[in-house]
């Protein structure tokens, strides 16, 4: 069975104050049984080009400069439109969350308005 430890509650000492009774009991003494489920922490992505999520897996036969010219630069030019940017960033964040990435550092485009939209999209998609 899969178990997850939880801090807080009564801290394992039974008095409900969340503290340690002084008897050496772990503050993580409260466990919840999740049956056969696998419990894992979320993934952390420290370098993600949010505007490029639509280009994932395409153009793998191209050299980097060719790929940038054919896919990256035209895609990033679309981010001059804040509505497009909002939709694209929302999809990028939701895809990351669906795949288990709960913390991410997204890199944006040169478009300031779109960059501000990316921050709002990231915040609202995570709730």
C-alpha atoms as a PDB file:
ATOM      1  CA  UNK A   1       0.000   0.000   0.000  1.00  0.00           C
ATOM      2  CA  UNK A   2       1.001   3.607  -0.550  1.00  0.00           C
ATOM      3  CA  UNK A   3       1.166   5.868   2.477  1.00  0.00           C
ATOM      4  CA  UNK A   4       1.675   9.610   2.723  1.00  0.00           C
ATOM      5  CA  UNK A   5       2.879  11.294   5.870  1.00  0.00           C
ATOM      6  CA  UNK A   6       1.165  14.489   6.940  1.00  0.00           C
ATOM      7  CA  UNK A   7       2.629  17.103   9.247  1.00  0.00           C
ATOM      8  CA  UNK A   8       0.284  18.994  11.525  1.00  0.00           C
ATOM      9  CA  UNK A   9      -2.966  17.807  12.962  1.00  0.00           C
ATOM     10  CA  UNK A  10      -2.111  16.399  16.335  1.00  0.00           C
ATOM     11  CA  UNK A  11       1.570  15.760  15.540  1.00  0.00           C
ATOM     12  CA  UNK A  12       1.154  12.235  16.763  1.00  0.00           C
ATOM     13  CA  UNK A  13       0.890  13.121  20.459  1.00  0.00           C
ATOM     14  CA  UNK A  14      -2.909  13.133  20.558  1.00  0.00           C
ATOM     15  CA  UNK A  15      -3.499  16.576  22.069  1.00  0.00           C
ATOM     16  CA  UNK A  16      -4.486  18.293  18.800  1.00  0.00           C
ATOM     17  CA  UNK A  17      -1.979  21.151  19.062  1.00  0.00           C
ATOM     18  CA  UNK A  18       0.324  19.940  16.282  1.00  0.00           C
ATOM     19  CA  UNK A  19       3.264  19.738  18.680  1.00  0.00           C
ATOM     20  CA  UNK A  20       5.605  17.030  19.748  1.00  0.00           C
ATOM     21  CA  UNK A  21       4.770  15.293  22.998  1.00  0.00           C
ATOM     22  CA  UNK A  22       8.445  15.118  23.874  1.00  0.00           C
ATOM     23  CA  UNK A  23       8.393  11.342  23.716  1.00  0.00           C
ATOM     24  CA  UNK A  24      10.475  11.275  20.515  1.00  0.00           C
ATOM     25  CA  UNK A  25       7.467  10.607  18.276  1.00  0.00           C
ATOM     26  CA  UNK A  26       7.864  11.923  14.752  1.00  0.00           C
ATOM     27  CA  UNK A  27       5.887  15.058  13.834  1.00  0.00           C
ATOM     28  CA  UNK A  28       5.005  13.027  10.717  1.00  0.00           C
ATOM     29  CA  UNK A  29       3.326  10.277  12.706  1.00  0.00           C
ATOM     30  CA  UNK A  30      -0.052  10.719  10.991  1.00  0.00           C
ATOM     31  CA  UNK A  31      -0.341   8.575   7.840  1.00  0.00           C
ATOM     32  CA  UNK A  32      -3.050   8.319   5.219  1.00  0.00           C
ATOM     33  CA  UNK A  33      -3.520   5.030   3.375  1.00  0.00           C
ATOM     34  CA  UNK A  34      -3.897   5.492  -0.388  1.00  0.00           C
ATOM     35  CA  UNK A  35      -4.175   1.786  -1.118  1.00  0.00           C
ATOM     36  CA  UNK A  36      -2.331   0.729  -4.249  1.00  0.00           C
ATOM     37  CA  UNK A  37      -1.818   4.308  -5.495  1.00  0.00           C
ATOM     38  CA  UNK A  38       1.678   5.569  -6.220  1.00  0.00           C
ATOM     39  CA  UNK A  39       2.449   8.834  -4.407  1.00  0.00           C
ATOM     40  CA  UNK A  40       5.037  11.090  -6.050  1.00  0.00           C
ATOM     41  CA  UNK A  41       6.072  14.712  -5.739  1.00  0.00           C
ATOM     42  CA  UNK A  42       5.440  17.016  -8.691  1.00  0.00           C
ATOM     43  CA  UNK A  43       8.177  17.541 -11.253  1.00  0.00           C
ATOM     44  CA  UNK A  44      10.162  20.788 -11.341  1.00  0.00           C
ATOM     45  CA  UNK A  45      11.090  22.255 -14.735  1.00  0.00           C
ATOM     46  CA  UNK A  46      13.668  25.017 -14.405  1.00  0.00           C
ATOM     47  CA  UNK A  47      13.890  25.916 -18.098  1.00  0.00           C
ATOM     48  CA  UNK A  48      10.789  25.888 -20.294  1.00  0.00           C
ATOM     49  CA  UNK A  49      10.174  27.989 -23.388  1.00  0.00           C
ATOM     50  CA  UNK A  50       6.403  28.361 -23.026  1.00  0.00           C
ATOM     51  CA  UNK A  51       5.929  29.881 -26.498  1.00  0.00           C
ATOM     52  CA  UNK A  52       7.524  26.821 -28.080  1.00  0.00           C
ATOM     53  CA  UNK A  53       5.281  24.137 -26.607  1.00  0.00           C
ATOM     54  CA  UNK A  54       3.360  23.914 -29.898  1.00  0.00           C
ATOM     55  CA  UNK A  55       6.602  23.053 -31.707  1.00  0.00           C
ATOM     56  CA  UNK A  56       7.483  20.113 -29.479  1.00  0.00           C
ATOM     57  CA  UNK A  57       8.623  17.152 -31.503  1.00  0.00           C
ATOM     58  CA  UNK A  58       8.444  18.795 -34.932  1.00  0.00           C
ATOM     59  CA  UNK A  59      11.290  19.577 -37.289  1.00  0.00           C
ATOM     60  CA  UNK A  60      13.648  17.083 -35.685  1.00  0.00           C
ATOM     61  CA  UNK A  61      15.278  16.530 -39.068  1.00  0.00           C
ATOM     62  CA  UNK A  62      16.436  20.169 -39.202  1.00  0.00           C
ATOM     63  CA  UNK A  63      19.603  21.778 -37.908  1.00  0.00           C
ATOM     64  CA  UNK A  64      19.032  24.274 -35.095  1.00  0.00           C
ATOM     65  CA  UNK A  65      19.192  27.439 -37.211  1.00  0.00           C
ATOM     66  CA  UNK A  66      16.823  25.970 -39.796  1.00  0.00           C
ATOM     67  CA  UNK A  67      14.410  24.926 -37.040  1.00  0.00           C
ATOM     68  CA  UNK A  68      14.524  28.396 -35.480  1.00  0.00           C
ATOM     69  CA  UNK A  69      13.827  30.065 -38.825  1.00  0.00           C
ATOM     70  CA  UNK A  70      11.078  27.652 -39.878  1.00  0.00           C
ATOM     71  CA  UNK A  71       9.250  27.184 -36.559  1.00  0.00           C
ATOM     72  CA  UNK A  72      10.484  29.241 -33.619  1.00  0.00           C
ATOM     73  CA  UNK A  73      10.663  32.742 -35.056  1.00  0.00           C
ATOM     74  CA  UNK A  74       7.270  32.575 -36.834  1.00  0.00           C
ATOM     75  CA  UNK A  75       5.611  31.104 -33.730  1.00  0.00           C
ATOM     76  CA  UNK A  76       7.087  33.707 -31.405  1.00  0.00           C
ATOM     77  CA  UNK A  77       6.017  36.526 -33.762  1.00  0.00           C
ATOM     78  CA  UNK A  78       2.389  35.520 -33.070  1.00  0.00           C
ATOM     79  CA  UNK A  79       2.909  36.568 -29.433  1.00  0.00           C
ATOM     80  CA  UNK A  80       2.637  40.213 -30.454  1.00  0.00           C
ATOM     81  CA  UNK A  81      -1.114  39.472 -30.165  1.00  0.00           C
ATOM     82  CA  UNK A  82      -1.885  39.291 -26.437  1.00  0.00           C
ATOM     83  CA  UNK A  83      -5.029  37.202 -26.977  1.00  0.00           C
ATOM     84  CA  UNK A  84      -3.034  34.605 -28.883  1.00  0.00           C
ATOM     85  CA  UNK A  85      -0.386  34.710 -26.157  1.00  0.00           C
ATOM     86  CA  UNK A  86      -2.944  34.194 -23.389  1.00  0.00           C
ATOM     87  CA  UNK A  87      -4.378  31.153 -25.132  1.00  0.00           C
ATOM     88  CA  UNK A  88      -0.971  29.665 -25.934  1.00  0.00           C
ATOM     89  CA  UNK A  89       0.429  30.173 -22.431  1.00  0.00           C
ATOM     90  CA  UNK A  90      -2.711  28.716 -20.866  1.00  0.00           C
ATOM     91  CA  UNK A  91      -2.365  25.585 -23.017  1.00  0.00           C
ATOM     92  CA  UNK A  92       1.351  25.313 -22.191  1.00  0.00           C
ATOM     93  CA  UNK A  93       0.751  25.565 -18.446  1.00  0.00           C
ATOM     94  CA  UNK A  94      -2.143  23.101 -18.499  1.00  0.00           C
ATOM     95  CA  UNK A  95      -0.084  20.584 -20.485  1.00  0.00           C
ATOM     96  CA  UNK A  96       2.723  20.872 -17.944  1.00  0.00           C
ATOM     97  CA  UNK A  97       0.307  20.326 -15.067  1.00  0.00           C
ATOM     98  CA  UNK A  98      -1.325  17.328 -16.791  1.00  0.00           C
ATOM     99  CA  UNK A  99       2.123  15.776 -17.142  1.00  0.00           C
ATOM    100  CA  UNK A 100       2.972  16.207 -13.462  1.00  0.00           C
ATOM    101  CA  UNK A 101       5.054  19.393 -13.577  1.00  0.00           C
ATOM    102  CA  UNK A 102       3.889  21.458 -10.629  1.00  0.00           C
ATOM    103  CA  UNK A 103       6.707  24.032 -10.578  1.00  0.00           C
ATOM    104  CA  UNK A 104       8.046  25.632 -13.737  1.00  0.00           C
ATOM    105  CA  UNK A 105      10.191  28.563 -14.835  1.00  0.00           C
ATOM    106  CA  UNK A 106       8.750  29.692 -18.164  1.00  0.00           C
ATOM    107  CA  UNK A 107      10.736  31.803 -20.585  1.00  0.00           C
ATOM    108  CA  UNK A 108       8.673  34.176 -22.699  1.00  0.00           C
ATOM    109  CA  UNK A 109       9.166  36.190 -25.908  1.00  0.00           C
ATOM    110  CA  UNK A 110      10.363  39.742 -26.476  1.00  0.00           C
ATOM    111  CA  UNK A 111       6.750  40.946 -26.391  1.00  0.00           C
ATOM    112  CA  UNK A 112       6.234  42.686 -23.033  1.00  0.00           C
ATOM    113  CA  UNK A 113       2.415  42.534 -23.060  1.00  0.00           C
ATOM    114  CA  UNK A 114       2.536  38.807 -23.847  1.00  0.00           C
ATOM    115  CA  UNK A 115       5.055  38.262 -21.075  1.00  0.00           C
ATOM    116  CA  UNK A 116       2.704  39.909 -18.589  1.00  0.00           C
ATOM    117  CA  UNK A 117      -0.121  37.694 -19.902  1.00  0.00           C
ATOM    118  CA  UNK A 118       2.080  34.632 -19.324  1.00  0.00           C
ATOM    119  CA  UNK A 119       2.319  35.458 -15.630  1.00  0.00           C
ATOM    120  CA  UNK A 120      -1.458  35.733 -15.302  1.00  0.00           C
ATOM    121  CA  UNK A 121      -1.968  32.524 -17.295  1.00  0.00           C
ATOM    122  CA  UNK A 122       0.442  30.617 -15.082  1.00  0.00           C
ATOM    123  CA  UNK A 123      -1.217  31.833 -11.900  1.00  0.00           C
ATOM    124  CA  UNK A 124      -4.809  31.221 -12.994  1.00  0.00           C
ATOM    125  CA  UNK A 125      -4.139  27.808 -14.550  1.00  0.00           C
ATOM    126  CA  UNK A 126      -2.698  26.405 -11.370  1.00  0.00           C
ATOM    127  CA  UNK A 127      -5.843  26.889  -9.271  1.00  0.00           C
END
